[in-house]
Structure formats: structure tokens, C-alpha cells
C-alpha atoms as a PDB file:
ATOM      1  CA  MET A   1       5.073  59.707 -22.040  1.00  0.00           C
ATOM      2  CA  GLN A   2       5.403  62.565 -24.504  1.00  0.00           C
ATOM      3  CA  LYS A   3       3.324  65.534 -23.396  1.00  0.00           C
ATOM      4  CA  PRO A   4       1.354  67.302 -26.156  1.00  0.00           C
ATOM      5  CA  LEU A   5       2.394  70.825 -26.992  1.00  0.00           C
ATOM      6  CA  VAL A   6      -0.022  73.395 -25.657  1.00  0.00           C
ATOM      7  CA  ALA A   7      -0.701  76.837 -27.084  1.00  0.00           C
ATOM      8  CA  PRO A   8       1.694  78.738 -24.749  1.00  0.00           C
ATOM      9  CA  LEU A   9       4.542  76.399 -25.675  1.00  0.00           C
ATOM     10  CA  LEU A  10       3.902  76.841 -29.385  1.00  0.00           C
ATOM     11  CA  ALA A  11       3.681  80.596 -28.933  1.00  0.00           C
ATOM     12  CA  SER A  12       7.008  80.696 -27.102  1.00  0.00           C
ATOM     13  CA  LEU A  13       8.542  78.504 -29.814  1.00  0.00           C
ATOM     14  CA  LEU A  14       7.454  80.842 -32.573  1.00  0.00           C
ATOM     15  CA  MET A  15       8.704  83.872 -30.630  1.00  0.00           C
ATOM     16  CA  ALA A  16      12.104  82.192 -30.219  1.00  0.00           C
ATOM     17  CA  LEU A  17      12.246  81.271 -33.880  1.00  0.00           C
ATOM     18  CA  VAL A  18      11.302  84.738 -35.072  1.00  0.00           C
ATOM     19  CA  SER A  19      13.881  86.347 -32.788  1.00  0.00           C
ATOM     20  CA  VAL A  20      16.756  84.738 -34.730  1.00  0.00           C
ATOM     21  CA  ASN A  21      18.080  86.491 -37.770  1.00  0.00           C
ATOM     22  CA  ALA A  22      18.274  83.576 -40.167  1.00  0.00           C
ATOM     23  CA  GLN A  23      18.396  85.370 -43.486  1.00  0.00           C
ATOM     24  CA  ALA A  24      20.790  83.922 -46.049  1.00  0.00           C
ATOM     25  CA  GLN A  25      23.912  85.964 -46.571  1.00  0.00           C
ATOM     26  CA  SER A  26      24.170  87.651 -49.952  1.00  0.00           C
ATOM     27  CA  VAL A  27      27.267  89.061 -51.579  1.00  0.00           C
ATOM     28  CA  TYR A  28      26.852  91.828 -54.160  1.00  0.00           C
ATOM     29  CA  ARG A  29      29.265  92.168 -57.055  1.00  0.00           C
ATOM     30  CA  ILE A  30      29.348  95.888 -57.838  1.00  0.00           C
ATOM     31  CA  VAL A  31      30.889  97.481 -60.904  1.00  0.00           C
ATOM     32  CA  GLY A  32      31.691 101.168 -60.372  1.00  0.00           C
ATOM     33  CA  PRO A  33      31.720 103.954 -62.990  1.00  0.00           C
ATOM     34  CA  ASP A  34      35.463 103.486 -63.460  1.00  0.00           C
ATOM     35  CA  GLY A  35      34.993  99.774 -64.116  1.00  0.00           C
ATOM     36  CA  LYS A  36      36.425  98.768 -60.762  1.00  0.00           C
ATOM     37  CA  VAL A  37      34.774  95.644 -59.311  1.00  0.00           C
ATOM     38  CA  THR A  38      34.099  95.423 -55.566  1.00  0.00           C
ATOM     39  CA  PHE A  39      32.216  92.942 -53.366  1.00  0.00           C
ATOM     40  CA  SER A  40      29.969  93.863 -50.453  1.00  0.00           C
ATOM     41  CA  ASP A  41      27.270  92.299 -48.277  1.00  0.00           C
ATOM     42  CA  ARG A  42      25.207  95.493 -48.654  1.00  0.00           C
ATOM     43  CA  PRO A  43      23.327  96.721 -51.733  1.00  0.00           C
ATOM     44  CA  PRO A  44      25.131  99.559 -53.546  1.00  0.00           C
ATOM     45  CA  ALA A  45      24.193 103.032 -52.291  1.00  0.00           C
ATOM     46  CA  ASP A  46      25.551 104.795 -55.385  1.00  0.00           C
ATOM     47  CA  ALA A  47      23.015 104.751 -58.179  1.00  0.00           C
ATOM     48  CA  SER A  48      25.819 104.799 -60.744  1.00  0.00           C
ATOM     49  CA  ALA A  49      27.210 101.519 -59.429  1.00  0.00           C
ATOM     50  CA  GLN A  50      25.782  98.424 -61.078  1.00  0.00           C
ATOM     51  CA  PRO A  51      24.927  95.358 -58.987  1.00  0.00           C
ATOM     52  CA  THR A  52      25.360  92.671 -61.591  1.00  0.00           C
ATOM     53  CA  ARG A  53      24.184  89.681 -59.576  1.00  0.00           C
ATOM     54  CA  THR A  54      23.768  88.256 -56.078  1.00  0.00           C
ATOM     55  CA  VAL A  55      25.979  85.325 -55.137  1.00  0.00           C
ATOM     56  CA  ASN A  56      24.691  82.995 -52.418  1.00  0.00           C
ATOM     57  CA  THR A  57      27.302  81.321 -50.239  1.00  0.00           C
ATOM     58  CA  GLY A  58      27.148  78.282 -47.980  1.00  0.00           C
ATOM     59  CA  PRO A  59      23.852  76.398 -47.489  1.00  0.00           C
ATOM     60  CA  ALA A  60      21.957  79.292 -49.085  1.00  0.00           C
ATOM     61  CA  ALA A  61      23.306  78.200 -52.464  1.00  0.00           C
ATOM     62  CA  ALA A  62      21.567  74.826 -52.101  1.00  0.00           C
ATOM     63  CA  ASN A  63      18.335  76.546 -51.001  1.00  0.00           C
ATOM     64  CA  ALA A  64      18.210  78.792 -54.064  1.00  0.00           C
ATOM     65  CA  THR A  65      16.417  76.105 -56.115  1.00  0.00           C
ATOM     66  CA  LEU A  66      13.711  75.422 -53.525  1.00  0.00           C
ATOM     67  CA  PRO A  67      10.027  76.249 -54.086  1.00  0.00           C
ATOM     68  CA  LEU A  68       9.121  79.705 -52.779  1.00  0.00           C
ATOM     69  CA  GLU A  69       7.127  78.552 -49.740  1.00  0.00           C
ATOM     70  CA  LEU A  70       9.785  76.090 -48.618  1.00  0.00           C
ATOM     71  CA  ARG A  71      12.558  78.604 -49.245  1.00  0.00           C
ATOM     72  CA  GLN A  72      10.797  81.167 -47.051  1.00  0.00           C
ATOM     73  CA  VAL A  73      10.449  78.704 -44.180  1.00  0.00           C
ATOM     74  CA  THR A  74      14.054  77.602 -44.545  1.00  0.00           C
ATOM     75  CA  THR A  75      15.237  81.214 -44.509  1.00  0.00           C
ATOM     76  CA  ARG A  76      13.233  82.091 -41.392  1.00  0.00           C
ATOM     77  CA  PHE A  77      13.820  78.884 -39.451  1.00  0.00           C
ATOM     78  CA  PRO A  78      16.974  77.107 -40.730  1.00  0.00           C
ATOM     79  CA  VAL A  79      17.572  73.589 -39.431  1.00  0.00           C
ATOM     80  CA  THR A  80      20.988  72.417 -38.244  1.00  0.00           C
ATOM     81  CA  LEU A  81      21.705  68.853 -37.123  1.00  0.00           C
ATOM     82  CA  TYR A  82      24.762  67.985 -35.012  1.00  0.00           C
ATOM     83  CA  THR A  83      25.784  64.327 -35.319  1.00  0.00           C
ATOM     84  CA  GLY A  84      28.492  61.876 -34.325  1.00  0.00           C
ATOM     85  CA  SER A  85      29.782  58.593 -35.681  1.00  0.00           C
ATOM     86  CA  ASP A  86      28.132  55.327 -34.567  1.00  0.00           C
ATOM     87  CA  CYS A  87      25.127  57.294 -33.284  1.00  0.00           C
ATOM     88  CA  ALA A  88      21.828  55.518 -33.973  1.00  0.00           C
ATOM     89  CA  PRO A  89      19.637  58.445 -32.752  1.00  0.00           C
ATOM     90  CA  CYS A  90      21.617  60.721 -35.070  1.00  0.00           C
ATOM     91  CA  ASN A  91      20.673  58.473 -37.988  1.00  0.00           C
ATOM     92  CA  SER A  92      17.026  58.585 -36.913  1.00  0.00           C
ATOM     93  CA  ALA A  93      17.025  62.380 -36.801  1.00  0.00           C
ATOM     94  CA  ARG A  94      18.719  62.560 -40.202  1.00  0.00           C
ATOM     95  CA  ASN A  95      16.225  60.101 -41.690  1.00  0.00           C
ATOM     96  CA  LEU A  96      13.278  62.111 -40.364  1.00  0.00           C
ATOM     97  CA  LEU A  97      14.540  65.335 -41.929  1.00  0.00           C
ATOM     98  CA  THR A  98      15.426  63.633 -45.201  1.00  0.00           C
ATOM     99  CA  SER A  99      12.150  61.732 -45.570  1.00  0.00           C
ATOM    100  CA  ARG A 100      10.131  64.847 -44.795  1.00  0.00           C
ATOM    101  CA  GLY A 101      12.135  66.918 -47.280  1.00  0.00           C
ATOM    102  CA  VAL A 102      13.500  69.403 -44.736  1.00  0.00           C
ATOM    103  CA  PRO A 103      16.663  71.145 -45.994  1.00  0.00           C
ATOM    104  CA  PHE A 104      19.232  71.105 -43.208  1.00  0.00           C
ATOM    105  CA  THR A 105      22.885  71.690 -42.466  1.00  0.00           C
ATOM    106  CA  GLU A 106      24.781  68.849 -40.796  1.00  0.00           C
ATOM    107  CA  ARG A 107      27.712  69.469 -38.467  1.00  0.00           C
ATOM    108  CA  THR A 108      29.797  66.505 -37.334  1.00  0.00           C
ATOM    109  CA  VAL A 109      31.255  66.252 -33.826  1.00  0.00           C
ATOM    110  CA  SER A 110      34.335  64.041 -33.672  1.00  0.00           C
ATOM    111  CA  THR A 111      37.273  65.938 -32.144  1.00  0.00           C
ATOM    112  CA  ASN A 112      37.870  67.420 -28.708  1.00  0.00           C
ATOM    113  CA  GLU A 113      37.504  70.867 -30.256  1.00  0.00           C
ATOM    114  CA  ASP A 114      34.126  69.853 -31.690  1.00  0.00           C
ATOM    115  CA  ILE A 115      32.949  68.563 -28.302  1.00  0.00           C
ATOM    116  CA  ALA A 116      34.040  71.760 -26.540  1.00  0.00           C
ATOM    117  CA  ALA A 117      32.221  73.867 -29.144  1.00  0.00           C
ATOM    118  CA  LEU A 118      29.074  71.739 -28.772  1.00  0.00           C
ATOM    119  CA  GLN A 119      29.149  72.174 -24.991  1.00  0.00           C
ATOM    120  CA  ARG A 120      29.376  75.944 -25.393  1.00  0.00           C
ATOM    121  CA  LEU A 121      26.487  75.854 -27.843  1.00  0.00           C
ATOM    122  CA  SER A 122      24.085  73.460 -26.128  1.00  0.00           C
ATOM    123  CA  GLY A 123      25.301  73.197 -22.538  1.00  0.00           C
ATOM    124  CA  ASN A 124      26.171  69.499 -22.860  1.00  0.00           C
ATOM    125  CA  SER A 125      27.841  67.052 -25.227  1.00  0.00           C
ATOM    126  CA  SER A 126      24.943  64.664 -25.937  1.00  0.00           C
ATOM    127  CA  LEU A 127      24.062  63.818 -29.531  1.00  0.00           C
ATOM    128  CA  PRO A 128      22.109  64.291 -31.623  1.00  0.00           C
ATOM    129  CA  PHE A 129      21.507  67.982 -31.090  1.00  0.00           C
ATOM    130  CA  GLY A 130      19.403  70.112 -33.399  1.00  0.00           C
ATOM    131  CA  THR A 131      18.250  73.669 -33.891  1.00  0.00           C
ATOM    132  CA  ILE A 132      15.154  74.910 -35.723  1.00  0.00           C
ATOM    133  CA  GLY A 133      15.631  78.635 -35.896  1.00  0.00           C
ATOM    134  CA  GLY A 134      16.291  79.581 -32.275  1.00  0.00           C
ATOM    135  CA  GLN A 135      14.731  76.423 -30.807  1.00  0.00           C
ATOM    136  CA  GLN A 136      17.184  73.829 -29.478  1.00  0.00           C
ATOM    137  CA  LEU A 137      16.389  70.114 -29.443  1.00  0.00           C
ATOM    138  CA  ALA A 138      18.584  67.831 -27.318  1.00  0.00           C
ATOM    139  CA  GLY A 139      18.397  64.138 -28.108  1.00  0.00           C
ATOM    140  CA  PHE A 140      15.907  62.719 -30.590  1.00  0.00           C
ATOM    141  CA  SER A 141      12.196  62.155 -30.222  1.00  0.00           C
ATOM    142  CA  ASP A 142      10.226  61.651 -33.422  1.00  0.00           C
ATOM    143  CA  THR A 143       7.123  63.205 -31.856  1.00  0.00           C
ATOM    144  CA  GLU A 144       8.935  66.246 -30.447  1.00  0.00           C
ATOM    145  CA  TRP A 145      10.912  67.008 -33.595  1.00  0.00           C
ATOM    146  CA  THR A 146       7.791  66.594 -35.750  1.00  0.00           C
ATOM    147  CA  GLN A 147       5.823  69.010 -33.558  1.00  0.00           C
ATOM    148  CA  TYR A 148       8.496  71.686 -33.781  1.00  0.00           C
ATOM    149  CA  LEU A 149       8.862  71.255 -37.540  1.00  0.00           C
ATOM    150  CA  ASP A 150       5.069  71.634 -37.851  1.00  0.00           C
ATOM    151  CA  ALA A 151       5.132  74.753 -35.688  1.00  0.00           C
ATOM    152  CA  ALA A 152       7.870  76.279 -37.841  1.00  0.00           C
ATOM    153  CA  GLY A 153       5.741  75.680 -40.948  1.00  0.00           C
ATOM    154  CA  TYR A 154       7.712  72.977 -42.740  1.00  0.00           C
ATOM    155  CA  PRO A 155       5.568  70.948 -45.193  1.00  0.00           C
ATOM    156  CA  LYS A 156       4.533  67.521 -43.954  1.00  0.00           C
ATOM    157  CA  GLN A 157       5.421  66.003 -47.347  1.00  0.00           C
ATOM    158  CA  SER A 158       8.660  66.558 -49.226  1.00  0.00           C
ATOM    159  CA  GLN A 159       8.602  69.411 -51.740  1.00  0.00           C
ATOM    160  CA  LEU A 160      12.275  69.164 -52.665  1.00  0.00           C
ATOM    161  CA  PRO A 161      12.903  69.362 -56.418  1.00  0.00           C
ATOM    162  CA  ALA A 162      14.680  66.505 -58.128  1.00  0.00           C
ATOM    163  CA  THR A 163      17.707  68.743 -58.732  1.00  0.00           C
ATOM    164  CA  TYR A 164      18.183  69.571 -55.041  1.00  0.00           C
ATOM    165  CA  ARG A 165      21.521  68.540 -53.566  1.00  0.00           C
ATOM    166  CA  ALA A 166      21.968  68.764 -49.817  1.00  0.00           C
ATOM    167  CA  PRO A 167      25.193  70.363 -48.532  1.00  0.00           C
ATOM    168  CA  ALA A 168      27.811  67.824 -47.467  1.00  0.00           C
ATOM    169  CA  PRO A 169      28.315  67.393 -43.690  1.00  0.00           C
ATOM    170  CA  SER A 170      31.148  69.483 -42.297  1.00  0.00           C
ATOM    171  CA  PRO A 171      33.017  69.491 -38.951  1.00  0.00           C
ATOM    172  CA  LEU A 172      31.633  71.747 -36.235  1.00  0.00           C
ATOM    173  CA  VAL A 173      35.107  73.261 -35.848  1.00  0.00           C
ATOM    174  CA  ALA A 174      37.004  73.908 -39.059  1.00  0.00           C
ATOM    175  CA  ILE A 175      40.228  71.932 -39.424  1.00  0.00           C
ATOM    176  CA  LYS A 176      43.269  74.193 -39.273  1.00  0.00           C
ATOM    177  CA  ALA A 177      46.087  73.706 -41.760  1.00  0.00           C
ATOM    178  CA  ALA A 178      49.389  72.570 -40.279  1.00  0.00           C
ATOM    179  CA  GLU A 179      51.850  75.403 -39.734  1.00  0.00           C
ATOM    180  CA  PRO A 180      55.166  75.209 -41.634  1.00  0.00           C
ATOM    181  CA  ALA A 181      58.258  74.140 -39.716  1.00  0.00           C
ATOM    182  CA  SER A 182      60.313  76.905 -38.145  1.00  0.00           C
ATOM    183  CA  ALA A 183      63.021  78.307 -40.392  1.00  0.00           C
ATOM    184  CA  THR A 184      65.263  79.475 -37.538  1.00  0.00           C
ATOM    185  CA  ALA A 185      67.517  76.390 -37.642  1.00  0.00           C
ATOM    186  CA  PRO A 186      70.087  76.607 -40.435  1.00  0.00           C
ATOM    187  CA  ALA A 187      69.880  74.093 -43.223  1.00  0.00           C
ATOM    188  CA  PRO A 188      72.490  71.317 -43.164  1.00  0.00           C
ATOM    189  CA  SER A 189      74.221  72.788 -46.204  1.00  0.00           C
ATOM    190  CA  SER A 190      74.424  76.220 -44.546  1.00  0.00           C
ATOM    191  CA  ARG A 191      75.838  74.690 -41.358  1.00  0.00           C
ATOM    192  CA  ALA A 192      78.488  72.813 -43.347  1.00  0.00           C
ATOM    193  CA  ALA A 193      79.404  75.987 -45.227  1.00  0.00           C
ATOM    194  CA  ALA A 194      79.781  77.888 -41.946  1.00  0.00           C
ATOM    195  CA  GLN A 195      82.094  75.200 -40.646  1.00  0.00           C
ATOM    196  CA  ARG A 196      84.179  75.367 -43.821  1.00  0.00           C
ATOM    197  CA  THR A 197      84.565  79.161 -43.612  1.00  0.00           C
ATOM    198  CA  ARG A 198      85.363  79.216 -39.871  1.00  0.00           C
ATOM    199  CA  PRO A 199      89.044  80.187 -39.313  1.00  0.00           C
ATOM    200  CA  PRO A 200      91.204  77.390 -37.891  1.00  0.00           C
ATOM    201  CA  ALA A 201      91.898  77.381 -34.185  1.00  0.00           C
ATOM    202  CA  PRO A 202      95.238  78.924 -33.266  1.00  0.00           C
ATOM    203  CA  VAL A 203      98.065  76.496 -32.646  1.00  0.00           C
ATOM    204  CA  ASN A 204      99.914  76.858 -29.380  1.00  0.00           C
ATOM    205  CA  GLU A 205     103.562  76.966 -30.397  1.00  0.00           C
ATOM    206  CA  GLY A 206     104.730  76.731 -26.773  1.00  0.00           C
ATOM    207  CA  PRO A 207     107.110  79.050 -24.931  1.00  0.00           C
ATOM    208  CA  THR A 208     109.733  81.026 -26.822  1.00  0.00           C
ATOM    209  CA  PRO A 209     112.660  83.173 -25.636  1.00  0.00           C
ATOM    210  CA  SER A 210     110.500  86.286 -26.091  1.00  0.00           C
ATOM    211  CA  ASN A 211     107.370  84.590 -24.591  1.00  0.00           C
ATOM    212  CA  PRO A 212     108.486  82.173 -21.865  1.00  0.00           C
ATOM    213  CA  ALA A 213     104.912  81.458 -20.706  1.00  0.00           C
ATOM    214  CA  GLY A 214     103.718  80.588 -24.214  1.00  0.00           C
ATOM    215  CA  ILE A 215     100.756  82.993 -24.002  1.00  0.00           C
ATOM    216  CA  ARG A 216      98.895  83.853 -27.238  1.00  0.00           C
ATOM    217  CA  PHE A 217      96.553  86.785 -27.797  1.00  0.00           C
END
């Protein structure tokens, strides 16, 4: 039976959520007096430099169109859902967030590297796994997830604008590009050329009156 959340539990939840720095990363495009353009994650200190605009990267770009109240909650307590294929509880967790209008980032767990990263993050490899700010949720319980979303301040009804587009799911561990083959082995054409330019092996002419043993140097 699901136990109701009591005041101390809610207080500890909010303390854990507030302790996480969940502000969206901003990149400033700065034009200096000489016209040189630089990029920085800090506002320009030089008054003569001109910050032309702030560029949001990652999930923050999708959150830029959210209503102010929802954007503030999302910034303070971002939601991340970790899912796997053929996982019915994962679908239930995703449906809850989607129907309630909670913006979230989805990370898929499918490779051994993903599983190892999930174990380091959560302490086990069970799915689904979710985070609301600094609060971790292992497995899925509609009642538990709803209580934590309420405590974080997410609206009970969707406030997502019609133009909102959720970020596409991405692997927990980024896929590395294949490294090019080693270039130490000579190409077939180079090997053939080396064979053509190699001097012929000396021919043993046998013993002669001046060299009875037939030795060549």
C-alpha cells in the first residue's frame, strides 16, 4: 500500500530539489570593439562589448517557448526519464508526463555502456528511472510520481503551448564515431612498387680460380 507523503518527507524533497543547480545553460555571443566575435557562458564584463543575443542549447531551447510559470518550474526542477525498449512501466511513466504536460528529457538505455552509466547514476539497472531536480525515482508508481511532481510545483493540467516540441530521446551514453583504420600498413600499390625497386638477389657464380670457395661479399 502506498504510504502518503508526510510534511517531513515533502520538506526533504524540496531541500533536495533546491540543492541542485538546474539552470539552463546560456551562451553569449559577444562582439568586441574591434569587431571580433567570441562566445562565452558568462555575461560580458567589458561594457564596450556587445552581447547581441543569448543562445539556448539542448533541452533549454525547447523550454524557451513555455509559459513563465512552467518555465520557472522546469528550470528549477528539470525532469529526466530513463527508459528501455519493451518496457511497459517506461511507457506508463512517459504517458503520465506527457498527459500532464511536464517537459522532460528522455535518455534511452540499450547498450552495455548505457547500463553501466545507469548503475553509476542510480545504484542499479532497473527501469524506468527518473529524476525531478535532485529527487530520484526508481521504478514507476503513478501515485508516487504524481506526489513528487505536485511537490515540485508542476501544474496538474497541461499548459504546454501548441507549438511546443519535446526533445527527441537520446542515448544515455553518446555513440562514439568509429576510428579510421591504421595507416601504418603500406598500400598494395606501395608494396608492389617497393618490390619492383628492390635490387635483384646476387647470383652465386660458383668457385673460380681466384675464389675457390665461391664466397661473395
